[in-house]
Amino acid sequence: MSNAPDSLLPLPDENAIRQALAYVIDPELGINVVELGLVYEARADRDGIRVALTMTSPACPLGQHIRDEAEGALRQHFPHVPDVAVELVWEPEWDPSMMSESAKAQLGW
């Protein structure tokens, strides 16, 4: 564990942010949001972590729940980051081609 002040700890890169988001599981499909292709943007700067996340449908009743889970996962993995913002976005519209091959296989596609 580092004794460096939080302001001196390195910021997570996109890969690290996506790894943390892989703990967020879509409860309906049982697949994480990264494999589903729901994470459109993941970045960090001195102000904090910013994530743009979508749902498989704008009518998805679990959007706020999944957004909250994503924010919680990021705060847990990166407690030294000053702020975490997860925004639900609808452009571009999600489609199944955005899923990883692993997610498609899990769904039998």
PDB file of N, CA and C in Angstrom:
ATOM      1  N   MET A   1       0.850  -1.176   0.000  1.00  0.00           N
ATOM      2  CA  MET A   1       0.000   0.000   0.000  1.00  0.00           C
ATOM      3  C   MET A   1       0.892   1.234   0.000  1.00  0.00           C
ATOM      4  N   SER A   2       0.585   2.180  -0.833  1.00  0.00           N
ATOM      5  CA  SER A   2       1.396   3.385  -0.986  1.00  0.00           C
ATOM      6  C   SER A   2       1.082   4.394   0.113  1.00  0.00           C
ATOM      7  N   ASN A   3       2.102   5.125   0.556  1.00  0.00           N
ATOM      8  CA  ASN A   3       1.913   6.200   1.510  1.00  0.00           C
ATOM      9  C   ASN A   3       1.845   7.549   0.812  1.00  0.00           C
ATOM     10  N   ALA A   4       1.829   7.547  -0.515  1.00  0.00           N
ATOM     11  CA  ALA A   4       1.784   8.793  -1.273  1.00  0.00           C
ATOM     12  C   ALA A   4       0.426   9.459  -1.096  1.00  0.00           C
ATOM     13  N   PRO A   5       0.419  10.794  -1.043  1.00  0.00           N
ATOM     14  CA  PRO A   5      -0.869  11.481  -1.000  1.00  0.00           C
ATOM     15  C   PRO A   5      -1.705  11.103  -2.224  1.00  0.00           C
ATOM     16  N   ASP A   6      -3.035  11.112  -2.045  1.00  0.00           N
ATOM     17  CA  ASP A   6      -3.930  10.730  -3.140  1.00  0.00           C
ATOM     18  C   ASP A   6      -3.645  11.493  -4.419  1.00  0.00           C
ATOM     19  N   SER A   7      -3.267  12.757  -4.296  1.00  0.00           N
ATOM     20  CA  SER A   7      -3.024  13.574  -5.488  1.00  0.00           C
ATOM     21  C   SER A   7      -1.804  13.107  -6.276  1.00  0.00           C
ATOM     22  N   LEU A   8      -0.926  12.286  -5.659  1.00  0.00           N
ATOM     23  CA  LEU A   8       0.261  11.802  -6.345  1.00  0.00           C
ATOM     24  C   LEU A   8       0.104  10.391  -6.899  1.00  0.00           C
ATOM     25  N   LEU A   9      -0.998   9.724  -6.558  1.00  0.00           N
ATOM     26  CA  LEU A   9      -1.226   8.382  -7.068  1.00  0.00           C
ATOM     27  C   LEU A   9      -1.583   8.458  -8.546  1.00  0.00           C
ATOM     28  N   PRO A  10      -1.139   7.489  -9.328  1.00  0.00           N
ATOM     29  CA  PRO A  10      -1.437   7.545 -10.768  1.00  0.00           C
ATOM     30  C   PRO A  10      -2.925   7.358 -11.043  1.00  0.00           C
ATOM     31  N   LEU A  11      -3.369   8.008 -12.088  1.00  0.00           N
ATOM     32  CA  LEU A  11      -4.756   7.840 -12.522  1.00  0.00           C
ATOM     33  C   LEU A  11      -4.887   6.541 -13.294  1.00  0.00           C
ATOM     34  N   PRO A  12      -6.031   5.895 -13.182  1.00  0.00           N
ATOM     35  CA  PRO A  12      -6.222   4.669 -13.955  1.00  0.00           C
ATOM     36  C   PRO A  12      -6.323   4.984 -15.444  1.00  0.00           C
ATOM     37  N   ASP A  13      -5.826   4.068 -16.266  1.00  0.00           N
ATOM     38  CA  ASP A  13      -5.984   4.235 -17.703  1.00  0.00           C
ATOM     39  C   ASP A  13      -7.304   3.578 -18.134  1.00  0.00           C
ATOM     40  N   GLU A  14      -7.607   3.670 -19.416  1.00  0.00           N
ATOM     41  CA  GLU A  14      -8.873   3.142 -19.921  1.00  0.00           C
ATOM     42  C   GLU A  14      -9.008   1.650 -19.633  1.00  0.00           C
ATOM     43  N   ASN A  15      -7.936   0.915 -19.807  1.00  0.00           N
ATOM     44  CA  ASN A  15      -7.979  -0.523 -19.569  1.00  0.00           C
ATOM     45  C   ASN A  15      -8.324  -0.839 -18.112  1.00  0.00           C
ATOM     46  N   ALA A  16      -7.715  -0.125 -17.176  1.00  0.00           N
ATOM     47  CA  ALA A  16      -7.986  -0.349 -15.755  1.00  0.00           C
ATOM     48  C   ALA A  16      -9.432   0.000 -15.417  1.00  0.00           C
ATOM     49  N   ILE A  17      -9.944   1.060 -16.006  1.00  0.00           N
ATOM     50  CA  ILE A  17     -11.337   1.445 -15.773  1.00  0.00           C
ATOM     51  C   ILE A  17     -12.269   0.361 -16.300  1.00  0.00           C
ATOM     52  N   ARG A  18     -11.992  -0.132 -17.499  1.00  0.00           N
ATOM     53  CA  ARG A  18     -12.816  -1.197 -18.073  1.00  0.00           C
ATOM     54  C   ARG A  18     -12.725  -2.484 -17.243  1.00  0.00           C
ATOM     55  N   GLN A  19     -11.556  -2.778 -16.692  1.00  0.00           N
ATOM     56  CA  GLN A  19     -11.425  -3.956 -15.831  1.00  0.00           C
ATOM     57  C   GLN A  19     -12.308  -3.821 -14.593  1.00  0.00           C
ATOM     58  N   ALA A  20     -12.362  -2.627 -14.016  1.00  0.00           N
ATOM     59  CA  ALA A  20     -13.222  -2.399 -12.856  1.00  0.00           C
ATOM     60  C   ALA A  20     -14.700  -2.524 -13.246  1.00  0.00           C
ATOM     61  N   LEU A  21     -15.043  -2.018 -14.423  1.00  0.00           N
ATOM     62  CA  LEU A  21     -16.436  -2.088 -14.880  1.00  0.00           C
ATOM     63  C   LEU A  21     -16.861  -3.509 -15.234  1.00  0.00           C
ATOM     64  N   ALA A  22     -15.894  -4.389 -15.463  1.00  0.00           N
ATOM     65  CA  ALA A  22     -16.227  -5.785 -15.777  1.00  0.00           C
ATOM     66  C   ALA A  22     -16.888  -6.485 -14.592  1.00  0.00           C
ATOM     67  N   TYR A  23     -16.848  -5.887 -13.410  1.00  0.00           N
ATOM     68  CA  TYR A  23     -17.536  -6.440 -12.241  1.00  0.00           C
ATOM     69  C   TYR A  23     -19.027  -6.089 -12.232  1.00  0.00           C
ATOM     70  N   VAL A  24     -19.444  -5.239 -13.152  1.00  0.00           N
ATOM     71  CA  VAL A  24     -20.845  -4.825 -13.221  1.00  0.00           C
ATOM     72  C   VAL A  24     -21.571  -5.752 -14.194  1.00  0.00           C
ATOM     73  N   ILE A  25     -22.493  -6.518 -13.668  1.00  0.00           N
ATOM     74  CA  ILE A  25     -23.199  -7.529 -14.439  1.00  0.00           C
ATOM     75  C   ILE A  25     -24.612  -7.053 -14.765  1.00  0.00           C
ATOM     76  N   ASP A  26     -24.991  -7.192 -16.027  1.00  0.00           N
ATOM     77  CA  ASP A  26     -26.378  -6.921 -16.413  1.00  0.00           C
ATOM     78  C   ASP A  26     -27.220  -8.039 -15.804  1.00  0.00           C
ATOM     79  N   PRO A  27     -28.127  -7.715 -14.871  1.00  0.00           N
ATOM     80  CA  PRO A  27     -28.864  -8.772 -14.182  1.00  0.00           C
ATOM     81  C   PRO A  27     -29.787  -9.587 -15.086  1.00  0.00           C
ATOM     82  N   GLU A  28     -30.216  -9.030 -16.180  1.00  0.00           N
ATOM     83  CA  GLU A  28     -31.103  -9.765 -17.085  1.00  0.00           C
ATOM     84  C   GLU A  28     -30.343 -10.760 -17.954  1.00  0.00           C
ATOM     85  N   LEU A  29     -29.133 -10.381 -18.373  1.00  0.00           N
ATOM     86  CA  LEU A  29     -28.367 -11.230 -19.277  1.00  0.00           C
ATOM     87  C   LEU A  29     -27.257 -12.012 -18.586  1.00  0.00           C
ATOM     88  N   GLY A  30     -26.857 -11.575 -17.385  1.00  0.00           N
ATOM     89  CA  GLY A  30     -25.803 -12.268 -16.657  1.00  0.00           C
ATOM     90  C   GLY A  30     -24.424 -12.090 -17.256  1.00  0.00           C
ATOM     91  N   ILE A  31     -24.231 -11.028 -18.012  1.00  0.00           N
ATOM     92  CA  ILE A  31     -22.954 -10.733 -18.673  1.00  0.00           C
ATOM     93  C   ILE A  31     -22.539  -9.324 -18.263  1.00  0.00           C
ATOM     94  N   ASN A  32     -21.236  -9.104 -18.122  1.00  0.00           N
ATOM     95  CA  ASN A  32     -20.802  -7.787 -17.668  1.00  0.00           C
ATOM     96  C   ASN A  32     -20.967  -6.726 -18.765  1.00  0.00           C
ATOM     97  N   VAL A  33     -21.037  -5.484 -18.322  1.00  0.00           N
ATOM     98  CA  VAL A  33     -21.323  -4.367 -19.226  1.00  0.00           C
ATOM     99  C   VAL A  33     -20.230  -4.131 -20.261  1.00  0.00           C
ATOM    100  N   VAL A  34     -19.000  -4.519 -19.942  1.00  0.00           N
ATOM    101  CA  VAL A  34     -17.897  -4.354 -20.898  1.00  0.00           C
ATOM    102  C   VAL A  34     -18.074  -5.353 -22.043  1.00  0.00           C
ATOM    103  N   GLU A  35     -18.299  -6.621 -21.703  1.00  0.00           N
ATOM    104  CA  GLU A  35     -18.480  -7.655 -22.725  1.00  0.00           C
ATOM    105  C   GLU A  35     -19.717  -7.394 -23.578  1.00  0.00           C
ATOM    106  N   LEU A  36     -20.725  -6.772 -22.977  1.00  0.00           N
ATOM    107  CA  LEU A  36     -21.941  -6.448 -23.734  1.00  0.00           C
ATOM    108  C   LEU A  36     -21.731  -5.265 -24.684  1.00  0.00           C
ATOM    109  N   GLY A  37     -20.622  -4.563 -24.540  1.00  0.00           N
ATOM    110  CA  GLY A  37     -20.365  -3.410 -25.403  1.00  0.00           C
ATOM    111  C   GLY A  37     -21.131  -2.172 -24.975  1.00  0.00           C
ATOM    112  N   LEU A  38     -21.475  -2.099 -23.693  1.00  0.00           N
ATOM    113  CA  LEU A  38     -22.261  -0.968 -23.195  1.00  0.00           C
ATOM    114  C   LEU A  38     -21.408   0.219 -22.760  1.00  0.00           C
ATOM    115  N   VAL A  39     -20.103   0.024 -22.656  1.00  0.00           N
ATOM    116  CA  VAL A  39     -19.205   1.109 -22.238  1.00  0.00           C
ATOM    117  C   VAL A  39     -18.690   1.809 -23.491  1.00  0.00           C
ATOM    118  N   TYR A  40     -19.124   3.034 -23.693  1.00  0.00           N
ATOM    119  CA  TYR A  40     -18.729   3.790 -24.879  1.00  0.00           C
ATOM    120  C   TYR A  40     -17.477   4.623 -24.644  1.00  0.00           C
ATOM    121  N   GLU A  41     -17.283   5.094 -23.422  1.00  0.00           N
ATOM    122  CA  GLU A  41     -16.118   5.923 -23.123  1.00  0.00           C
ATOM    123  C   GLU A  41     -15.683   5.634 -21.692  1.00  0.00           C
ATOM    124  N   ALA A  42     -14.389   5.582 -21.465  1.00  0.00           N
ATOM    125  CA  ALA A  42     -13.831   5.387 -20.132  1.00  0.00           C
ATOM    126  C   ALA A  42     -12.512   6.135 -20.075  1.00  0.00           C
ATOM    127  N   ARG A  43     -12.467   7.192 -19.259  1.00  0.00           N
ATOM    128  CA  ARG A  43     -11.246   7.989 -19.181  1.00  0.00           C
ATOM    129  C   ARG A  43     -11.103   8.596 -17.793  1.00  0.00           C
ATOM    130  N   ALA A  44      -9.900   8.970 -17.478  1.00  0.00           N
ATOM    131  CA  ALA A  44      -9.620   9.632 -16.206  1.00  0.00           C
ATOM    132  C   ALA A  44      -8.734  10.835 -16.462  1.00  0.00           C
ATOM    133  N   ASP A  45      -8.980  11.883 -15.688  1.00  0.00           N
ATOM    134  CA  ASP A  45      -8.114  13.053 -15.686  1.00  0.00           C
ATOM    135  C   ASP A  45      -8.012  13.550 -14.245  1.00  0.00           C
ATOM    136  N   ARG A  46      -7.384  14.651 -14.023  1.00  0.00           N
ATOM    137  CA  ARG A  46      -7.157  15.106 -12.647  1.00  0.00           C
ATOM    138  C   ARG A  46      -8.454  15.390 -11.900  1.00  0.00           C
ATOM    139  N   ASP A  47      -9.557  15.580 -12.628  1.00  0.00           N
ATOM    140  CA  ASP A  47     -10.854  15.826 -11.989  1.00  0.00           C
ATOM    141  C   ASP A  47     -11.562  14.538 -11.596  1.00  0.00           C
ATOM    142  N   GLY A  48     -11.182  13.411 -12.204  1.00  0.00           N
ATOM    143  CA  GLY A  48     -11.816  12.153 -11.851  1.00  0.00           C
ATOM    144  C   GLY A  48     -12.004  11.237 -13.041  1.00  0.00           C
ATOM    145  N   ILE A  49     -12.854  10.250 -12.831  1.00  0.00           N
ATOM    146  CA  ILE A  49     -13.152   9.261 -13.865  1.00  0.00           C
ATOM    147  C   ILE A  49     -14.462   9.643 -14.531  1.00  0.00           C
ATOM    148  N   ARG A  50     -14.492   9.531 -15.854  1.00  0.00           N
ATOM    149  CA  ARG A  50     -15.690   9.806 -16.635  1.00  0.00           C
ATOM    150  C   ARG A  50     -15.986   8.588 -17.496  1.00  0.00           C
ATOM    151  N   VAL A  51     -17.214   8.106 -17.409  1.00  0.00           N
ATOM    152  CA  VAL A  51     -17.637   6.948 -18.185  1.00  0.00           C
ATOM    153  C   VAL A  51     -18.945   7.281 -18.880  1.00  0.00           C
ATOM    154  N   ALA A  52     -19.026   6.931 -20.160  1.00  0.00           N
ATOM    155  CA  ALA A  52     -20.278   7.004 -20.911  1.00  0.00           C
ATOM    156  C   ALA A  52     -20.732   5.559 -21.108  1.00  0.00           C
ATOM    157  N   LEU A  53     -21.931   5.277 -20.638  1.00  0.00           N
ATOM    158  CA  LEU A  53     -22.473   3.931 -20.611  1.00  0.00           C
ATOM    159  C   LEU A  53     -23.850   3.956 -21.244  1.00  0.00           C
ATOM    160  N   THR A  54     -24.189   2.917 -21.963  1.00  0.00           N
ATOM    161  CA  THR A  54     -25.521   2.838 -22.545  1.00  0.00           C
ATOM    162  C   THR A  54     -26.195   1.559 -22.069  1.00  0.00           C
ATOM    163  N   MET A  55     -27.412   1.380 -22.455  1.00  0.00           N
ATOM    164  CA  MET A  55     -28.168   0.163 -22.172  1.00  0.00           C
ATOM    165  C   MET A  55     -28.524  -0.488 -23.502  1.00  0.00           C
ATOM    166  N   THR A  56     -28.953  -1.727 -23.456  1.00  0.00           N
ATOM    167  CA  THR A  56     -29.331  -2.411 -24.687  1.00  0.00           C
ATOM    168  C   THR A  56     -30.563  -1.781 -25.311  1.00  0.00           C
ATOM    169  N   SER A  57     -31.327  -1.039 -24.494  1.00  0.00           N
ATOM    170  CA  SER A  57     -32.518  -0.341 -24.983  1.00  0.00           C
ATOM    171  C   SER A  57     -32.777   0.869 -24.096  1.00  0.00           C
ATOM    172  N   PRO A  58     -33.210   2.000 -24.670  1.00  0.00           N
ATOM    173  CA  PRO A  58     -33.560   3.150 -23.831  1.00  0.00           C
ATOM    174  C   PRO A  58     -34.698   2.831 -22.852  1.00  0.00           C
ATOM    175  N   ALA A  59     -35.475   1.817 -23.150  1.00  0.00           N
ATOM    176  CA  ALA A  59     -36.587   1.433 -22.282  1.00  0.00           C
ATOM    177  C   ALA A  59     -36.150   0.494 -21.152  1.00  0.00           C
ATOM    178  N   CYS A  60     -34.870   0.174 -21.074  1.00  0.00           N
ATOM    179  CA  CYS A  60     -34.370  -0.748 -20.052  1.00  0.00           C
ATOM    180  C   CYS A  60     -34.688  -0.196 -18.659  1.00  0.00           C
ATOM    181  N   PRO A  61     -35.431  -0.947 -17.849  1.00  0.00           N
ATOM    182  CA  PRO A  61     -35.794  -0.457 -16.522  1.00  0.00           C
ATOM    183  C   PRO A  61     -34.629  -0.494 -15.521  1.00  0.00           C
ATOM    184  N   LEU A  62     -33.515  -1.099 -15.903  1.00  0.00           N
ATOM    185  CA  LEU A  62     -32.389  -1.243 -14.990  1.00  0.00           C
ATOM    186  C   LEU A  62     -31.279  -0.224 -15.227  1.00  0.00           C
ATOM    187  N   GLY A  63     -31.519   0.752 -16.087  1.00  0.00           N
ATOM    188  CA  GLY A  63     -30.485   1.725 -16.424  1.00  0.00           C
ATOM    189  C   GLY A  63     -29.894   2.418 -15.208  1.00  0.00           C
ATOM    190  N   GLN A  64     -30.723   2.939 -14.335  1.00  0.00           N
ATOM    191  CA  GLN A  64     -30.221   3.646 -13.149  1.00  0.00           C
ATOM    192  C   GLN A  64     -29.494   2.689 -12.211  1.00  0.00           C
ATOM    193  N   HIS A  65     -30.012   1.485 -12.060  1.00  0.00           N
ATOM    194  CA  HIS A  65     -29.366   0.479 -11.208  1.00  0.00           C
ATOM    195  C   HIS A  65     -27.959   0.143 -11.737  1.00  0.00           C
ATOM    196  N   ILE A  66     -27.861  -0.101 -13.027  1.00  0.00           N
ATOM    197  CA  ILE A  66     -26.557  -0.447 -13.612  1.00  0.00           C
ATOM    198  C   ILE A  66     -25.607   0.745 -13.541  1.00  0.00           C
ATOM    199  N   ARG A  67     -26.111   1.951 -13.765  1.00  0.00           N
ATOM    200  CA  ARG A  67     -25.284   3.154 -13.634  1.00  0.00           C
ATOM    201  C   ARG A  67     -24.737   3.260 -12.210  1.00  0.00           C
ATOM    202  N   ASP A  68     -25.593   3.043 -11.219  1.00  0.00           N
ATOM    203  CA  ASP A  68     -25.171   3.111  -9.823  1.00  0.00           C
ATOM    204  C   ASP A  68     -24.144   2.016  -9.497  1.00  0.00           C
ATOM    205  N   GLU A  69     -24.351   0.821 -10.036  1.00  0.00           N
ATOM    206  CA  GLU A  69     -23.399  -0.277  -9.831  1.00  0.00           C
ATOM    207  C   GLU A  69     -22.036   0.074 -10.444  1.00  0.00           C
ATOM    208  N   ALA A  70     -22.058   0.673 -11.620  1.00  0.00           N
ATOM    209  CA  ALA A  70     -20.810   1.065 -12.273  1.00  0.00           C
ATOM    210  C   ALA A  70     -20.076   2.117 -11.447  1.00  0.00           C
ATOM    211  N   GLU A  71     -20.804   3.094 -10.977  1.00  0.00           N
ATOM    212  CA  GLU A  71     -20.182   4.129 -10.142  1.00  0.00           C
ATOM    213  C   GLU A  71     -19.590   3.510  -8.874  1.00  0.00           C
ATOM    214  N   GLY A  72     -20.326   2.605  -8.244  1.00  0.00           N
ATOM    215  CA  GLY A  72     -19.832   1.954  -7.039  1.00  0.00           C
ATOM    216  C   GLY A  72     -18.576   1.131  -7.292  1.00  0.00           C
ATOM    217  N   ALA A  73     -18.551   0.397  -8.406  1.00  0.00           N
ATOM    218  CA  ALA A  73     -17.377  -0.411  -8.743  1.00  0.00           C
ATOM    219  C   ALA A  73     -16.155   0.478  -8.949  1.00  0.00           C
ATOM    220  N   LEU A  74     -16.339   1.599  -9.602  1.00  0.00           N
ATOM    221  CA  LEU A  74     -15.217   2.508  -9.849  1.00  0.00           C
ATOM    222  C   LEU A  74     -14.723   3.144  -8.558  1.00  0.00           C
ATOM    223  N   ARG A  75     -15.648   3.535  -7.700  1.00  0.00           N
ATOM    224  CA  ARG A  75     -15.243   4.120  -6.411  1.00  0.00           C
ATOM    225  C   ARG A  75     -14.510   3.097  -5.549  1.00  0.00           C
ATOM    226  N   GLN A  76     -14.951   1.850  -5.606  1.00  0.00           N
ATOM    227  CA  GLN A  76     -14.295   0.799  -4.828  1.00  0.00           C
ATOM    228  C   GLN A  76     -12.888   0.517  -5.354  1.00  0.00           C
ATOM    229  N   HIS A  77     -12.732   0.444  -6.661  1.00  0.00           N
ATOM    230  CA  HIS A  77     -11.427   0.127  -7.251  1.00  0.00           C
ATOM    231  C   HIS A  77     -10.455   1.308  -7.235  1.00  0.00           C
ATOM    232  N   PHE A  78     -10.980   2.516  -7.257  1.00  0.00           N
ATOM    233  CA  PHE A  78     -10.124   3.703  -7.328  1.00  0.00           C
ATOM    234  C   PHE A  78     -10.530   4.733  -6.273  1.00  0.00           C
ATOM    235  N   PRO A  79     -10.378   4.385  -4.987  1.00  0.00           N
ATOM    236  CA  PRO A  79     -10.837   5.299  -3.928  1.00  0.00           C
ATOM    237  C   PRO A  79     -10.059   6.615  -3.881  1.00  0.00           C
ATOM    238  N   HIS A  80      -8.888   6.660  -4.483  1.00  0.00           N
ATOM    239  CA  HIS A  80      -8.068   7.879  -4.463  1.00  0.00           C
ATOM    240  C   HIS A  80      -8.488   8.896  -5.529  1.00  0.00           C
ATOM    241  N   VAL A  81      -9.341   8.496  -6.458  1.00  0.00           N
ATOM    242  CA  VAL A  81      -9.767   9.408  -7.521  1.00  0.00           C
ATOM    243  C   VAL A  81     -10.825  10.358  -6.945  1.00  0.00           C
ATOM    244  N   PRO A  82     -10.686  11.656  -7.190  1.00  0.00           N
ATOM    245  CA  PRO A  82     -11.559  12.635  -6.530  1.00  0.00           C
ATOM    246  C   PRO A  82     -13.040  12.563  -6.906  1.00  0.00           C
ATOM    247  N   ASP A  83     -13.363  12.131  -8.111  1.00  0.00           N
ATOM    248  CA  ASP A  83     -14.764  12.129  -8.530  1.00  0.00           C
ATOM    249  C   ASP A  83     -14.989  11.025  -9.550  1.00  0.00           C
ATOM    250  N   VAL A  84     -16.176  10.464  -9.543  1.00  0.00           N
ATOM    251  CA  VAL A  84     -16.565   9.456 -10.520  1.00  0.00           C
ATOM    252  C   VAL A  84     -17.905   9.886 -11.110  1.00  0.00           C
ATOM    253  N   ALA A  85     -17.969   9.971 -12.416  1.00  0.00           N
ATOM    254  CA  ALA A  85     -19.217  10.329 -13.093  1.00  0.00           C
ATOM    255  C   ALA A  85     -19.517   9.292 -14.168  1.00  0.00           C
ATOM    256  N   VAL A  86     -20.662   8.647 -14.039  1.00  0.00           N
ATOM    257  CA  VAL A  86     -21.111   7.677 -15.027  1.00  0.00           C
ATOM    258  C   VAL A  86     -22.380   8.240 -15.647  1.00  0.00           C
ATOM    259  N   GLU A  87     -22.309   8.487 -16.936  1.00  0.00           N
ATOM    260  CA  GLU A  87     -23.428   9.089 -17.656  1.00  0.00           C
ATOM    261  C   GLU A  87     -24.071   8.047 -18.561  1.00  0.00           C
ATOM    262  N   LEU A  88     -25.399   7.967 -18.514  1.00  0.00           N
ATOM    263  CA  LEU A  88     -26.122   7.122 -19.456  1.00  0.00           C
ATOM    264  C   LEU A  88     -26.311   7.904 -20.747  1.00  0.00           C
ATOM    265  N   VAL A  89     -25.913   7.291 -21.853  1.00  0.00           N
ATOM    266  CA  VAL A  89     -26.032   7.936 -23.164  1.00  0.00           C
ATOM    267  C   VAL A  89     -26.796   7.005 -24.112  1.00  0.00           C
ATOM    268  N   TRP A  90     -27.333   7.581 -25.166  1.00  0.00           N
ATOM    269  CA  TRP A  90     -28.150   6.786 -26.095  1.00  0.00           C
ATOM    270  C   TRP A  90     -27.664   6.873 -27.533  1.00  0.00           C
ATOM    271  N   GLU A  91     -26.581   7.587 -27.752  1.00  0.00           N
ATOM    272  CA  GLU A  91     -25.990   7.703 -29.084  1.00  0.00           C
ATOM    273  C   GLU A  91     -24.549   7.249 -29.025  1.00  0.00           C
ATOM    274  N   PRO A  92     -24.100   6.410 -29.887  1.00  0.00           N
ATOM    275  CA  PRO A  92     -24.901   5.726 -30.898  1.00  0.00           C
ATOM    276  C   PRO A  92     -25.775   4.654 -30.241  1.00  0.00           C
ATOM    277  N   GLU A  93     -26.832   4.315 -30.918  1.00  0.00           N
ATOM    278  CA  GLU A  93     -27.739   3.299 -30.407  1.00  0.00           C
ATOM    279  C   GLU A  93     -27.004   1.958 -30.343  1.00  0.00           C
ATOM    280  N   TRP A  94     -27.157   1.263 -29.233  1.00  0.00           N
ATOM    281  CA  TRP A  94     -26.495  -0.033 -29.052  1.00  0.00           C
ATOM    282  C   TRP A  94     -27.129  -1.062 -29.975  1.00  0.00           C
ATOM    283  N   ASP A  95     -26.300  -1.974 -30.480  1.00  0.00           N
ATOM    284  CA  ASP A  95     -26.836  -3.129 -31.203  1.00  0.00           C
ATOM    285  C   ASP A  95     -25.959  -4.333 -30.877  1.00  0.00           C
ATOM    286  N   PRO A  96     -26.470  -5.535 -31.094  1.00  0.00           N
ATOM    287  CA  PRO A  96     -25.752  -6.747 -30.684  1.00  0.00           C
ATOM    288  C   PRO A  96     -24.354  -6.907 -31.283  1.00  0.00           C
ATOM    289  N   SER A  97     -24.072  -6.256 -32.388  1.00  0.00           N
ATOM    290  CA  SER A  97     -22.734  -6.378 -32.977  1.00  0.00           C
ATOM    291  C   SER A  97     -21.660  -5.766 -32.073  1.00  0.00           C
ATOM    292  N   MET A  98     -22.055  -4.970 -31.089  1.00  0.00           N
ATOM    293  CA  MET A  98     -21.111  -4.329 -30.171  1.00  0.00           C
ATOM    294  C   MET A  98     -20.624  -5.280 -29.081  1.00  0.00           C
ATOM    295  N   MET A  99     -21.258  -6.434 -28.953  1.00  0.00           N
ATOM    296  CA  MET A  99     -20.857  -7.401 -27.933  1.00  0.00           C
ATOM    297  C   MET A  99     -19.552  -8.084 -28.322  1.00  0.00           C
ATOM    298  N   SER A 100     -18.819  -8.510 -27.310  1.00  0.00           N
ATOM    299  CA  SER A 100     -17.613  -9.294 -27.563  1.00  0.00           C
ATOM    300  C   SER A 100     -18.011 -10.669 -28.069  1.00  0.00           C
ATOM    301  N   GLU A 101     -17.061 -11.346 -28.668  1.00  0.00           N
ATOM    302  CA  GLU A 101     -17.321 -12.721 -29.140  1.00  0.00           C
ATOM    303  C   GLU A 101     -17.686 -13.615 -27.960  1.00  0.00           C
ATOM    304  N   SER A 102     -17.068 -13.380 -26.821  1.00  0.00           N
ATOM    305  CA  SER A 102     -17.362 -14.156 -25.622  1.00  0.00           C
ATOM    306  C   SER A 102     -18.822 -13.973 -25.191  1.00  0.00           C
ATOM    307  N   ALA A 103     -19.302 -12.726 -25.209  1.00  0.00           N
ATOM    308  CA  ALA A 103     -20.692 -12.461 -24.821  1.00  0.00           C
ATOM    309  C   ALA A 103     -21.643 -13.121 -25.809  1.00  0.00           C
ATOM    310  N   LYS A 104     -21.335 -13.019 -27.078  1.00  0.00           N
ATOM    311  CA  LYS A 104     -22.186 -13.662 -28.098  1.00  0.00           C
ATOM    312  C   LYS A 104     -22.240 -15.168 -27.874  1.00  0.00           C
ATOM    313  N   ALA A 105     -21.092 -15.765 -27.560  1.00  0.00           N
ATOM    314  CA  ALA A 105     -21.051 -17.217 -27.306  1.00  0.00           C
ATOM    315  C   ALA A 105     -21.887 -17.588 -26.086  1.00  0.00           C
ATOM    316  N   GLN A 106     -21.813 -16.760 -25.035  1.00  0.00           N
ATOM    317  CA  GLN A 106     -22.595 -17.024 -23.825  1.00  0.00           C
ATOM    318  C   GLN A 106     -24.095 -16.991 -24.119  1.00  0.00           C
ATOM    319  N   LEU A 107     -24.475 -16.178 -25.087  1.00  0.00           N
ATOM    320  CA  LEU A 107     -25.892 -16.071 -25.451  1.00  0.00           C
ATOM    321  C   LEU A 107     -26.272 -17.067 -26.543  1.00  0.00           C
ATOM    322  N   GLY A 108     -25.301 -17.864 -26.988  1.00  0.00           N
ATOM    323  CA  GLY A 108     -25.567 -18.878 -28.004  1.00  0.00           C
ATOM    324  C   GLY A 108     -25.678 -18.324 -29.406  1.00  0.00           C
ATOM    325  N   TRP A 109     -25.000 -17.194 -29.665  1.00  0.00           N
ATOM    326  CA  TRP A 109     -25.065 -16.563 -31.002  1.00  0.00           C
ATOM    327  C   TRP A 109     -23.873 -16.961 -31.820  1.00  0.00           C
TER     328      TRP A 109
END
